[in-house]
Amino acid sequence: MPPWRSSAMRREPEEIETVVKVVTPAYHHYLDVFSKVKSEKLPPHCACDHHIQLEGLLPPIGVIYSLSSQESETLQSYILENLEKGFIRASSSSTGAPVLFVKKKDGGLCLCVDYHKLNAVTRKNSYPVPPMNQLLTVFNGSTIFSKIDLCGAYTLLRIKEGHEHLTSFRTKYGSYEYL
C-alpha cells in the first residue's frame, strides 16, 4: 500500500475510500487537502500566525444589526458549530464588530463580520502587487476555473495568541472571538 494511503487511512478511515474514488490518481499524493476531518480542526499555532497591530486605540463597539429569522437561525447554527469545532470562543473583549449576511448564489447565507472600524485603526501592510491588467493576462485563454470557499478559508490561518480579542464580534446571542 502506498505510504500516502496508509497515513490517510489512519486519520480518516470512513472517508478515505470515497476520496480515493473521486480524486484523479495523479493527485492522490494531495489527499490530505480533501480531508473533511482535517478541515474541521484549526491548524497548530506557528510563526506565521496573524497578528493585528493597532496604530491607536481600540475601535468602538459595533452595533448589533437586525436579522431576519433565516439569518438568526443561520447565525445560531454558525455559532454552535464553530464553538464545537473550537474555531471561536465566548469573548469579553472591550471591542466587538457587528455581523451581517451576504446571500450566496445558491440561496444560502454567508456570515460576514464588519471589521471596517478595526481596519481603520490597524497598521497597514505594504506589499508590491502588479497592476490588475497584468494579473488578468495570466487567465487569457483559460477555460477552467476553480470555485473556492472563501467563507471558511480564513480558518486555515490562526490568530496570534493574545490578539484574539481584537477579532471579537457581537451578536444577539453574545460576543465571540476567533482563535
N, C-alpha and C. Protein backbone atom coordinates (compact mmCIF):
# COMPACT_ATOMS: atom_id res chain seq x y z
N MET A 1 0.85 -1.19 0.00
CA MET A 1 0.00 0.00 0.00
C MET A 1 0.89 1.24 0.00
N PRO A 2 0.59 2.24 -0.86
CA PRO A 2 1.40 3.46 -0.89
C PRO A 2 1.36 4.18 0.46
N PRO A 3 2.48 4.84 0.86
CA PRO A 3 2.53 5.49 2.17
C PRO A 3 1.46 6.57 2.36
N TRP A 4 1.13 7.32 1.30
CA TRP A 4 0.11 8.36 1.45
C TRP A 4 -1.22 7.76 1.83
N ARG A 5 -1.51 6.58 1.28
CA ARG A 5 -2.81 5.97 1.54
C ARG A 5 -2.87 5.42 2.96
N SER A 6 -1.82 4.80 3.44
CA SER A 6 -1.85 4.24 4.79
C SER A 6 -1.94 5.34 5.84
N SER A 7 -1.23 6.47 5.65
CA SER A 7 -1.31 7.55 6.63
C SER A 7 -2.68 8.21 6.60
N ALA A 8 -3.25 8.36 5.41
CA ALA A 8 -4.59 8.96 5.32
C ALA A 8 -5.63 8.04 5.94
N MET A 9 -5.47 6.73 5.75
CA MET A 9 -6.43 5.79 6.31
C MET A 9 -6.38 5.79 7.83
N ARG A 10 -5.22 5.98 8.42
CA ARG A 10 -5.13 6.05 9.88
C ARG A 10 -5.90 7.25 10.40
N ARG A 11 -5.94 8.32 9.64
CA ARG A 11 -6.58 9.55 10.12
C ARG A 11 -8.08 9.56 9.88
N GLU A 12 -8.54 9.12 8.72
CA GLU A 12 -9.96 9.21 8.38
C GLU A 12 -10.43 7.93 7.69
N PRO A 13 -10.55 6.83 8.40
CA PRO A 13 -10.87 5.56 7.74
C PRO A 13 -12.22 5.55 7.03
N GLU A 14 -13.21 6.28 7.56
CA GLU A 14 -14.54 6.23 6.95
C GLU A 14 -14.66 7.04 5.68
N GLU A 15 -13.76 7.99 5.44
CA GLU A 15 -13.90 8.83 4.25
C GLU A 15 -12.88 8.54 3.16
N ILE A 16 -11.82 7.83 3.45
CA ILE A 16 -10.70 7.70 2.52
C ILE A 16 -11.09 7.01 1.21
N GLU A 17 -11.89 5.97 1.26
CA GLU A 17 -12.24 5.25 0.03
C GLU A 17 -13.04 6.13 -0.93
N THR A 18 -13.95 6.93 -0.40
CA THR A 18 -14.72 7.84 -1.24
C THR A 18 -13.82 8.86 -1.91
N VAL A 19 -12.91 9.43 -1.14
CA VAL A 19 -11.99 10.44 -1.67
C VAL A 19 -11.10 9.83 -2.75
N VAL A 20 -10.60 8.63 -2.52
CA VAL A 20 -9.73 7.97 -3.50
C VAL A 20 -10.47 7.75 -4.81
N LYS A 21 -11.76 7.43 -4.74
CA LYS A 21 -12.56 7.21 -5.96
C LYS A 21 -12.81 8.51 -6.71
N VAL A 22 -13.03 9.60 -6.00
CA VAL A 22 -13.40 10.87 -6.61
C VAL A 22 -12.19 11.64 -7.15
N VAL A 23 -11.07 11.57 -6.45
CA VAL A 23 -9.88 12.34 -6.83
C VAL A 23 -9.09 11.59 -7.90
N THR A 24 -8.73 12.28 -8.95
CA THR A 24 -7.93 11.70 -10.03
C THR A 24 -6.63 11.13 -9.46
N PRO A 25 -6.21 9.94 -9.89
CA PRO A 25 -4.99 9.32 -9.34
C PRO A 25 -3.75 10.21 -9.40
N ALA A 26 -3.67 11.09 -10.38
CA ALA A 26 -2.50 11.98 -10.47
C ALA A 26 -2.38 12.88 -9.24
N TYR A 27 -3.48 13.08 -8.52
CA TYR A 27 -3.47 13.97 -7.35
C TYR A 27 -3.58 13.22 -6.03
N HIS A 28 -3.40 11.92 -6.05
CA HIS A 28 -3.53 11.15 -4.81
C HIS A 28 -2.50 11.53 -3.75
N HIS A 29 -1.36 12.09 -4.15
CA HIS A 29 -0.39 12.49 -3.13
C HIS A 29 -0.84 13.76 -2.40
N TYR A 30 -1.96 14.35 -2.81
CA TYR A 30 -2.53 15.53 -2.13
C TYR A 30 -3.82 15.18 -1.39
N LEU A 31 -4.05 13.93 -1.06
CA LEU A 31 -5.31 13.53 -0.45
C LEU A 31 -5.62 14.26 0.85
N ASP A 32 -4.61 14.65 1.59
CA ASP A 32 -4.85 15.38 2.85
C ASP A 32 -5.64 16.66 2.62
N VAL A 33 -5.49 17.27 1.45
CA VAL A 33 -6.20 18.51 1.13
C VAL A 33 -7.71 18.28 1.13
N PHE A 34 -8.14 17.06 0.83
CA PHE A 34 -9.56 16.75 0.72
C PHE A 34 -10.14 16.17 2.01
N SER A 35 -9.40 16.21 3.08
CA SER A 35 -9.82 15.61 4.34
C SER A 35 -10.90 16.44 5.04
N LYS A 36 -12.08 15.87 5.20
CA LYS A 36 -13.17 16.52 5.93
C LYS A 36 -12.79 16.66 7.41
N VAL A 37 -12.21 15.62 7.98
CA VAL A 37 -11.81 15.65 9.39
C VAL A 37 -10.79 16.75 9.63
N LYS A 38 -9.79 16.84 8.76
CA LYS A 38 -8.74 17.86 8.91
C LYS A 38 -9.30 19.27 8.74
N SER A 39 -10.30 19.43 7.88
CA SER A 39 -10.87 20.76 7.63
C SER A 39 -11.69 21.27 8.81
N GLU A 40 -12.03 20.40 9.72
CA GLU A 40 -12.83 20.79 10.88
C GLU A 40 -11.99 21.04 12.12
N LYS A 41 -10.69 21.20 11.94
CA LYS A 41 -9.79 21.49 13.05
C LYS A 41 -8.90 22.68 12.68
N LEU A 42 -8.58 23.48 13.67
CA LEU A 42 -7.64 24.58 13.43
C LEU A 42 -6.24 24.02 13.27
N PRO A 43 -5.43 24.63 12.43
CA PRO A 43 -4.03 24.21 12.34
C PRO A 43 -3.31 24.62 13.62
N PRO A 44 -2.16 24.03 13.92
CA PRO A 44 -1.42 24.44 15.12
C PRO A 44 -0.88 25.86 14.97
N HIS A 45 -0.64 26.51 16.10
CA HIS A 45 -0.02 27.84 16.06
C HIS A 45 1.37 27.73 15.43
N CYS A 46 1.78 28.78 14.71
CA CYS A 46 3.10 28.79 14.08
C CYS A 46 3.61 30.22 13.97
N ALA A 47 4.79 30.38 13.44
CA ALA A 47 5.42 31.71 13.32
C ALA A 47 4.63 32.64 12.40
N CYS A 48 3.81 32.10 11.51
CA CYS A 48 3.06 32.94 10.58
C CYS A 48 1.64 33.23 11.04
N ASP A 49 1.35 33.02 12.33
CA ASP A 49 0.02 33.37 12.85
C ASP A 49 -0.27 34.84 12.56
N HIS A 50 -1.54 35.15 12.35
CA HIS A 50 -1.96 36.51 12.01
C HIS A 50 -1.95 37.39 13.26
N HIS A 51 -1.12 38.41 13.25
CA HIS A 51 -1.12 39.37 14.36
C HIS A 51 -1.71 40.68 13.87
N ILE A 52 -2.43 41.33 14.77
CA ILE A 52 -3.13 42.56 14.42
C ILE A 52 -2.46 43.71 15.15
N GLN A 53 -1.79 44.58 14.41
CA GLN A 53 -1.09 45.72 15.00
C GLN A 53 -1.95 46.96 14.87
N LEU A 54 -2.26 47.56 16.01
CA LEU A 54 -3.09 48.77 16.02
C LEU A 54 -2.21 50.01 16.00
N GLU A 55 -2.70 51.05 15.33
CA GLU A 55 -1.99 52.33 15.31
C GLU A 55 -2.40 53.21 16.48
N GLY A 56 -3.53 52.94 17.04
CA GLY A 56 -4.03 53.77 18.13
C GLY A 56 -4.90 52.98 19.07
N LEU A 57 -6.02 53.56 19.42
CA LEU A 57 -6.94 52.95 20.36
C LEU A 57 -7.73 51.82 19.71
N LEU A 58 -8.39 51.04 20.57
CA LEU A 58 -9.28 50.00 20.07
C LEU A 58 -10.44 50.64 19.32
N PRO A 59 -10.97 49.96 18.32
CA PRO A 59 -12.15 50.51 17.64
C PRO A 59 -13.35 50.49 18.59
N PRO A 60 -14.33 51.38 18.35
CA PRO A 60 -15.51 51.38 19.21
C PRO A 60 -16.33 50.10 19.03
N ILE A 61 -17.15 49.82 20.01
CA ILE A 61 -18.02 48.64 19.93
C ILE A 61 -19.06 48.87 18.84
N GLY A 62 -19.24 47.87 17.99
CA GLY A 62 -20.20 47.97 16.89
C GLY A 62 -21.61 47.67 17.34
N VAL A 63 -22.56 48.13 16.57
CA VAL A 63 -23.98 47.88 16.86
C VAL A 63 -24.32 46.43 16.50
N ILE A 64 -25.42 45.96 17.03
CA ILE A 64 -25.93 44.65 16.64
C ILE A 64 -27.04 44.89 15.62
N TYR A 65 -26.80 44.45 14.38
CA TYR A 65 -27.76 44.67 13.30
C TYR A 65 -29.00 43.78 13.47
N SER A 66 -30.13 44.26 12.98
CA SER A 66 -31.35 43.45 12.95
C SER A 66 -31.15 42.33 11.94
N LEU A 67 -31.69 41.16 12.26
CA LEU A 67 -31.56 40.00 11.39
C LEU A 67 -32.93 39.40 11.10
N SER A 68 -33.08 38.84 9.91
CA SER A 68 -34.30 38.11 9.58
C SER A 68 -34.31 36.80 10.35
N SER A 69 -35.43 36.09 10.33
CA SER A 69 -35.48 34.80 11.04
C SER A 69 -34.51 33.80 10.41
N GLN A 70 -34.37 33.81 9.08
CA GLN A 70 -33.41 32.92 8.41
C GLN A 70 -31.98 33.27 8.83
N GLU A 71 -31.67 34.56 8.90
CA GLU A 71 -30.33 34.99 9.32
C GLU A 71 -30.07 34.62 10.78
N SER A 72 -31.08 34.77 11.64
CA SER A 72 -30.94 34.41 13.05
C SER A 72 -30.66 32.92 13.21
N GLU A 73 -31.38 32.09 12.48
CA GLU A 73 -31.16 30.64 12.53
C GLU A 73 -29.77 30.29 12.02
N THR A 74 -29.36 30.91 10.92
CA THR A 74 -28.03 30.66 10.36
C THR A 74 -26.95 31.10 11.33
N LEU A 75 -27.13 32.25 11.97
CA LEU A 75 -26.16 32.75 12.95
C LEU A 75 -26.04 31.80 14.13
N GLN A 76 -27.18 31.35 14.65
CA GLN A 76 -27.15 30.44 15.79
C GLN A 76 -26.43 29.14 15.42
N SER A 77 -26.72 28.61 14.24
CA SER A 77 -26.04 27.39 13.77
C SER A 77 -24.55 27.62 13.62
N TYR A 78 -24.18 28.78 13.04
CA TYR A 78 -22.77 29.12 12.85
C TYR A 78 -22.04 29.15 14.19
N ILE A 79 -22.64 29.81 15.17
CA ILE A 79 -22.00 29.93 16.48
C ILE A 79 -21.84 28.56 17.13
N LEU A 80 -22.90 27.77 17.16
CA LEU A 80 -22.83 26.45 17.79
C LEU A 80 -21.81 25.55 17.10
N GLU A 81 -21.83 25.54 15.77
CA GLU A 81 -20.89 24.71 15.00
C GLU A 81 -19.44 25.12 15.24
N ASN A 82 -19.18 26.42 15.24
CA ASN A 82 -17.81 26.90 15.38
C ASN A 82 -17.30 26.85 16.82
N LEU A 83 -18.20 26.93 17.80
CA LEU A 83 -17.81 26.68 19.20
C LEU A 83 -17.40 25.23 19.36
N GLU A 84 -18.21 24.33 18.78
CA GLU A 84 -17.95 22.90 18.87
C GLU A 84 -16.62 22.52 18.22
N LYS A 85 -16.32 23.13 17.07
CA LYS A 85 -15.07 22.85 16.37
C LYS A 85 -13.86 23.50 17.04
N GLY A 86 -14.11 24.49 17.90
CA GLY A 86 -13.00 25.21 18.54
C GLY A 86 -12.46 26.33 17.68
N PHE A 87 -13.23 26.81 16.70
CA PHE A 87 -12.80 27.92 15.84
C PHE A 87 -13.04 29.27 16.51
N ILE A 88 -14.04 29.33 17.42
CA ILE A 88 -14.35 30.55 18.15
C ILE A 88 -14.53 30.21 19.63
N ARG A 89 -14.56 31.24 20.47
CA ARG A 89 -14.89 31.07 21.89
C ARG A 89 -15.66 32.32 22.34
N ALA A 90 -16.32 32.20 23.49
CA ALA A 90 -17.02 33.35 24.06
C ALA A 90 -15.99 34.43 24.34
N SER A 91 -16.39 35.69 24.19
CA SER A 91 -15.46 36.81 24.34
C SER A 91 -15.97 37.82 25.36
N SER A 92 -15.03 38.40 26.09
CA SER A 92 -15.36 39.52 27.00
C SER A 92 -14.55 40.74 26.57
N SER A 93 -14.20 40.81 25.30
CA SER A 93 -13.40 41.90 24.75
C SER A 93 -14.13 43.24 24.91
N SER A 94 -13.35 44.30 25.07
CA SER A 94 -13.93 45.64 25.19
C SER A 94 -14.26 46.23 23.81
N THR A 95 -14.08 45.45 22.78
CA THR A 95 -14.47 45.86 21.43
C THR A 95 -15.28 44.73 20.81
N GLY A 96 -15.90 44.97 19.71
CA GLY A 96 -16.66 43.93 19.03
C GLY A 96 -17.28 44.47 17.77
N ALA A 97 -17.15 43.72 16.70
CA ALA A 97 -17.69 44.14 15.40
C ALA A 97 -19.07 43.52 15.19
N PRO A 98 -19.91 44.19 14.42
CA PRO A 98 -21.23 43.62 14.10
C PRO A 98 -21.12 42.55 13.02
N VAL A 99 -22.15 41.71 12.93
CA VAL A 99 -22.20 40.69 11.88
C VAL A 99 -23.36 41.01 10.93
N LEU A 100 -23.20 40.57 9.70
CA LEU A 100 -24.25 40.68 8.69
C LEU A 100 -24.11 39.48 7.77
N PHE A 101 -25.06 39.33 6.87
CA PHE A 101 -25.04 38.18 5.97
C PHE A 101 -25.07 38.62 4.52
N VAL A 102 -24.41 37.84 3.68
CA VAL A 102 -24.44 38.04 2.24
C VAL A 102 -25.07 36.79 1.65
N LYS A 103 -26.02 36.99 0.76
CA LYS A 103 -26.71 35.86 0.14
C LYS A 103 -25.82 35.24 -0.93
N LYS A 104 -25.69 33.92 -0.88
CA LYS A 104 -24.92 33.19 -1.88
C LYS A 104 -25.79 32.93 -3.11
N LYS A 105 -25.15 32.58 -4.22
CA LYS A 105 -25.89 32.29 -5.46
C LYS A 105 -26.86 31.13 -5.27
N ASP A 106 -26.49 30.17 -4.39
CA ASP A 106 -27.35 29.01 -4.17
C ASP A 106 -28.48 29.29 -3.17
N GLY A 107 -28.60 30.54 -2.71
CA GLY A 107 -29.66 30.91 -1.78
C GLY A 107 -29.25 30.84 -0.32
N GLY A 108 -28.12 30.21 -0.04
CA GLY A 108 -27.62 30.14 1.33
C GLY A 108 -27.09 31.49 1.80
N LEU A 109 -26.67 31.53 3.04
CA LEU A 109 -26.15 32.77 3.61
C LEU A 109 -24.71 32.60 4.06
N CYS A 110 -23.91 33.61 3.82
CA CYS A 110 -22.51 33.63 4.26
C CYS A 110 -22.37 34.71 5.33
N LEU A 111 -21.95 34.31 6.54
CA LEU A 111 -21.77 35.27 7.62
C LEU A 111 -20.55 36.13 7.34
N CYS A 112 -20.69 37.43 7.54
CA CYS A 112 -19.59 38.38 7.38
C CYS A 112 -19.49 39.21 8.65
N VAL A 113 -18.29 39.40 9.14
CA VAL A 113 -18.07 40.27 10.29
C VAL A 113 -17.60 41.61 9.74
N ASP A 114 -18.25 42.68 10.16
CA ASP A 114 -17.97 44.03 9.65
C ASP A 114 -16.80 44.64 10.43
N TYR A 115 -15.58 44.35 9.98
CA TYR A 115 -14.37 44.81 10.66
C TYR A 115 -13.88 46.16 10.15
N HIS A 116 -14.70 46.96 9.48
CA HIS A 116 -14.18 48.20 8.89
C HIS A 116 -13.66 49.17 9.96
N LYS A 117 -14.24 49.18 11.15
CA LYS A 117 -13.73 50.07 12.21
C LYS A 117 -12.40 49.56 12.75
N LEU A 118 -12.23 48.24 12.83
CA LEU A 118 -10.94 47.67 13.23
C LEU A 118 -9.90 47.97 12.16
N ASN A 119 -10.27 47.78 10.89
CA ASN A 119 -9.33 48.06 9.79
C ASN A 119 -8.86 49.51 9.80
N ALA A 120 -9.74 50.42 10.22
CA ALA A 120 -9.39 51.85 10.22
C ALA A 120 -8.28 52.18 11.22
N VAL A 121 -8.12 51.37 12.27
CA VAL A 121 -7.09 51.65 13.28
C VAL A 121 -5.95 50.62 13.25
N THR A 122 -5.92 49.80 12.20
CA THR A 122 -4.88 48.78 12.06
C THR A 122 -3.73 49.30 11.21
N ARG A 123 -2.50 49.00 11.63
CA ARG A 123 -1.33 49.38 10.84
C ARG A 123 -1.40 48.67 9.50
N LYS A 124 -1.24 49.41 8.44
CA LYS A 124 -1.35 48.86 7.08
C LYS A 124 -0.05 48.19 6.65
N ASN A 125 -0.18 47.04 6.02
CA ASN A 125 0.97 46.35 5.43
C ASN A 125 1.17 46.88 4.02
N SER A 126 2.39 46.82 3.55
CA SER A 126 2.68 47.29 2.20
C SER A 126 3.36 46.17 1.42
N TYR A 127 2.66 45.65 0.41
CA TYR A 127 3.20 44.60 -0.43
C TYR A 127 3.11 45.05 -1.89
N PRO A 128 4.16 44.82 -2.67
CA PRO A 128 4.07 45.18 -4.09
C PRO A 128 3.14 44.21 -4.82
N VAL A 129 2.11 44.75 -5.44
CA VAL A 129 1.15 43.95 -6.19
C VAL A 129 1.13 44.46 -7.62
N PRO A 130 1.26 43.56 -8.61
CA PRO A 130 1.22 44.00 -10.01
C PRO A 130 -0.13 44.63 -10.34
N PRO A 131 -0.18 45.47 -11.36
CA PRO A 131 -1.46 46.06 -11.79
C PRO A 131 -2.45 44.97 -12.20
N MET A 132 -3.74 45.24 -12.00
CA MET A 132 -4.79 44.25 -12.27
C MET A 132 -4.73 43.72 -13.70
N ASN A 133 -4.45 44.57 -14.69
CA ASN A 133 -4.42 44.09 -16.08
C ASN A 133 -3.32 43.05 -16.29
N GLN A 134 -2.20 43.18 -15.58
CA GLN A 134 -1.13 42.17 -15.68
C GLN A 134 -1.57 40.86 -15.01
N LEU A 135 -2.26 40.97 -13.89
CA LEU A 135 -2.73 39.77 -13.21
C LEU A 135 -3.75 39.02 -14.06
N LEU A 136 -4.62 39.75 -14.74
CA LEU A 136 -5.67 39.12 -15.54
C LEU A 136 -5.14 38.46 -16.80
N THR A 137 -4.00 38.90 -17.33
CA THR A 137 -3.45 38.28 -18.54
C THR A 137 -3.04 36.83 -18.29
N VAL A 138 -2.80 36.48 -17.05
CA VAL A 138 -2.47 35.09 -16.70
C VAL A 138 -3.61 34.16 -17.09
N PHE A 139 -4.85 34.66 -17.02
CA PHE A 139 -6.02 33.83 -17.31
C PHE A 139 -6.44 33.89 -18.78
N ASN A 140 -5.73 34.65 -19.60
CA ASN A 140 -6.08 34.79 -21.01
C ASN A 140 -6.11 33.42 -21.68
N GLY A 141 -7.24 33.07 -22.27
CA GLY A 141 -7.38 31.79 -22.95
C GLY A 141 -7.78 30.64 -22.04
N SER A 142 -7.90 30.87 -20.76
CA SER A 142 -8.28 29.81 -19.82
C SER A 142 -9.74 29.43 -20.00
N THR A 143 -10.02 28.16 -19.79
CA THR A 143 -11.41 27.69 -19.90
C THR A 143 -11.88 27.00 -18.62
N ILE A 144 -10.97 26.68 -17.73
CA ILE A 144 -11.34 26.02 -16.48
C ILE A 144 -10.97 26.93 -15.32
N PHE A 145 -11.95 27.15 -14.44
CA PHE A 145 -11.74 27.98 -13.27
C PHE A 145 -12.16 27.21 -12.03
N SER A 146 -11.66 27.59 -10.89
CA SER A 146 -11.99 26.92 -9.63
C SER A 146 -12.93 27.78 -8.80
N LYS A 147 -13.76 27.12 -8.04
CA LYS A 147 -14.60 27.80 -7.06
C LYS A 147 -13.98 27.51 -5.70
N ILE A 148 -13.70 28.56 -4.96
CA ILE A 148 -13.04 28.41 -3.66
C ILE A 148 -13.99 28.89 -2.57
N ASP A 149 -14.10 28.13 -1.49
CA ASP A 149 -14.94 28.51 -0.36
C ASP A 149 -14.20 29.51 0.51
N LEU A 150 -14.38 30.80 0.21
CA LEU A 150 -13.70 31.82 1.00
C LEU A 150 -14.41 32.11 2.31
N CYS A 151 -15.66 31.65 2.45
CA CYS A 151 -16.36 31.86 3.72
C CYS A 151 -15.66 31.10 4.84
N GLY A 152 -15.09 29.96 4.54
CA GLY A 152 -14.44 29.17 5.58
C GLY A 152 -12.93 29.14 5.48
N ALA A 153 -12.37 29.73 4.45
CA ALA A 153 -10.92 29.63 4.22
C ALA A 153 -10.08 30.30 5.31
N TYR A 154 -10.64 31.32 5.97
CA TYR A 154 -9.86 32.02 6.98
C TYR A 154 -9.49 31.13 8.16
N THR A 155 -10.16 30.00 8.35
CA THR A 155 -9.81 29.12 9.46
C THR A 155 -8.48 28.42 9.25
N LEU A 156 -7.92 28.54 8.06
CA LEU A 156 -6.61 27.95 7.80
C LEU A 156 -5.48 28.79 8.38
N LEU A 157 -5.79 30.00 8.81
CA LEU A 157 -4.79 30.91 9.37
C LEU A 157 -5.16 31.20 10.81
N ARG A 158 -4.24 30.91 11.73
CA ARG A 158 -4.51 31.13 13.15
C ARG A 158 -4.28 32.58 13.52
N ILE A 159 -5.02 33.03 14.53
CA ILE A 159 -4.82 34.36 15.12
C ILE A 159 -3.74 34.21 16.18
N LYS A 160 -2.77 35.11 16.18
CA LYS A 160 -1.67 35.06 17.15
C LYS A 160 -2.24 35.12 18.57
N GLU A 161 -1.69 34.28 19.44
CA GLU A 161 -2.14 34.28 20.83
C GLU A 161 -1.98 35.68 21.42
N GLY A 162 -3.03 36.15 22.10
CA GLY A 162 -3.04 37.49 22.67
C GLY A 162 -3.72 38.51 21.78
N HIS A 163 -4.00 38.14 20.53
CA HIS A 163 -4.65 39.06 19.59
C HIS A 163 -6.11 38.65 19.32
N GLU A 164 -6.55 37.54 19.90
CA GLU A 164 -7.89 37.03 19.61
C GLU A 164 -8.99 38.03 19.97
N HIS A 165 -8.81 38.78 21.06
CA HIS A 165 -9.85 39.72 21.50
C HIS A 165 -10.16 40.78 20.44
N LEU A 166 -9.20 41.04 19.56
CA LEU A 166 -9.42 42.04 18.50
C LEU A 166 -10.35 41.52 17.40
N THR A 167 -10.55 40.21 17.35
CA THR A 167 -11.45 39.63 16.34
C THR A 167 -12.87 39.47 16.86
N SER A 168 -13.15 40.00 18.03
CA SER A 168 -14.45 39.84 18.67
C SER A 168 -15.58 40.36 17.78
N PHE A 169 -16.67 39.59 17.76
CA PHE A 169 -17.87 40.03 17.05
C PHE A 169 -19.08 39.88 17.97
N ARG A 170 -20.02 40.82 17.83
CA ARG A 170 -21.18 40.88 18.72
C ARG A 170 -22.43 40.38 18.00
N THR A 171 -23.21 39.60 18.73
CA THR A 171 -24.48 39.11 18.21
C THR A 171 -25.52 39.18 19.32
N LYS A 172 -26.77 38.95 18.97
CA LYS A 172 -27.81 38.92 19.99
C LYS A 172 -27.67 37.69 20.89
N TYR A 173 -26.82 36.75 20.50
CA TYR A 173 -26.57 35.55 21.29
C TYR A 173 -25.32 35.67 22.16
N GLY A 174 -24.62 36.80 22.08
CA GLY A 174 -23.41 37.01 22.86
C GLY A 174 -22.26 37.47 21.98
N SER A 175 -21.11 37.66 22.61
CA SER A 175 -19.89 38.07 21.88
C SER A 175 -18.95 36.88 21.78
N TYR A 176 -18.26 36.79 20.64
CA TYR A 176 -17.36 35.66 20.36
C TYR A 176 -16.12 36.20 19.68
N GLU A 177 -15.04 35.42 19.75
CA GLU A 177 -13.80 35.81 19.08
C GLU A 177 -13.19 34.60 18.40
N TYR A 178 -12.47 34.87 17.31
CA TYR A 178 -11.83 33.80 16.54
C TYR A 178 -10.51 33.41 17.18
N LEU A 179 -10.18 32.14 17.01
CA LEU A 179 -8.94 31.61 17.54
C LEU A 179 -7.98 31.38 16.40
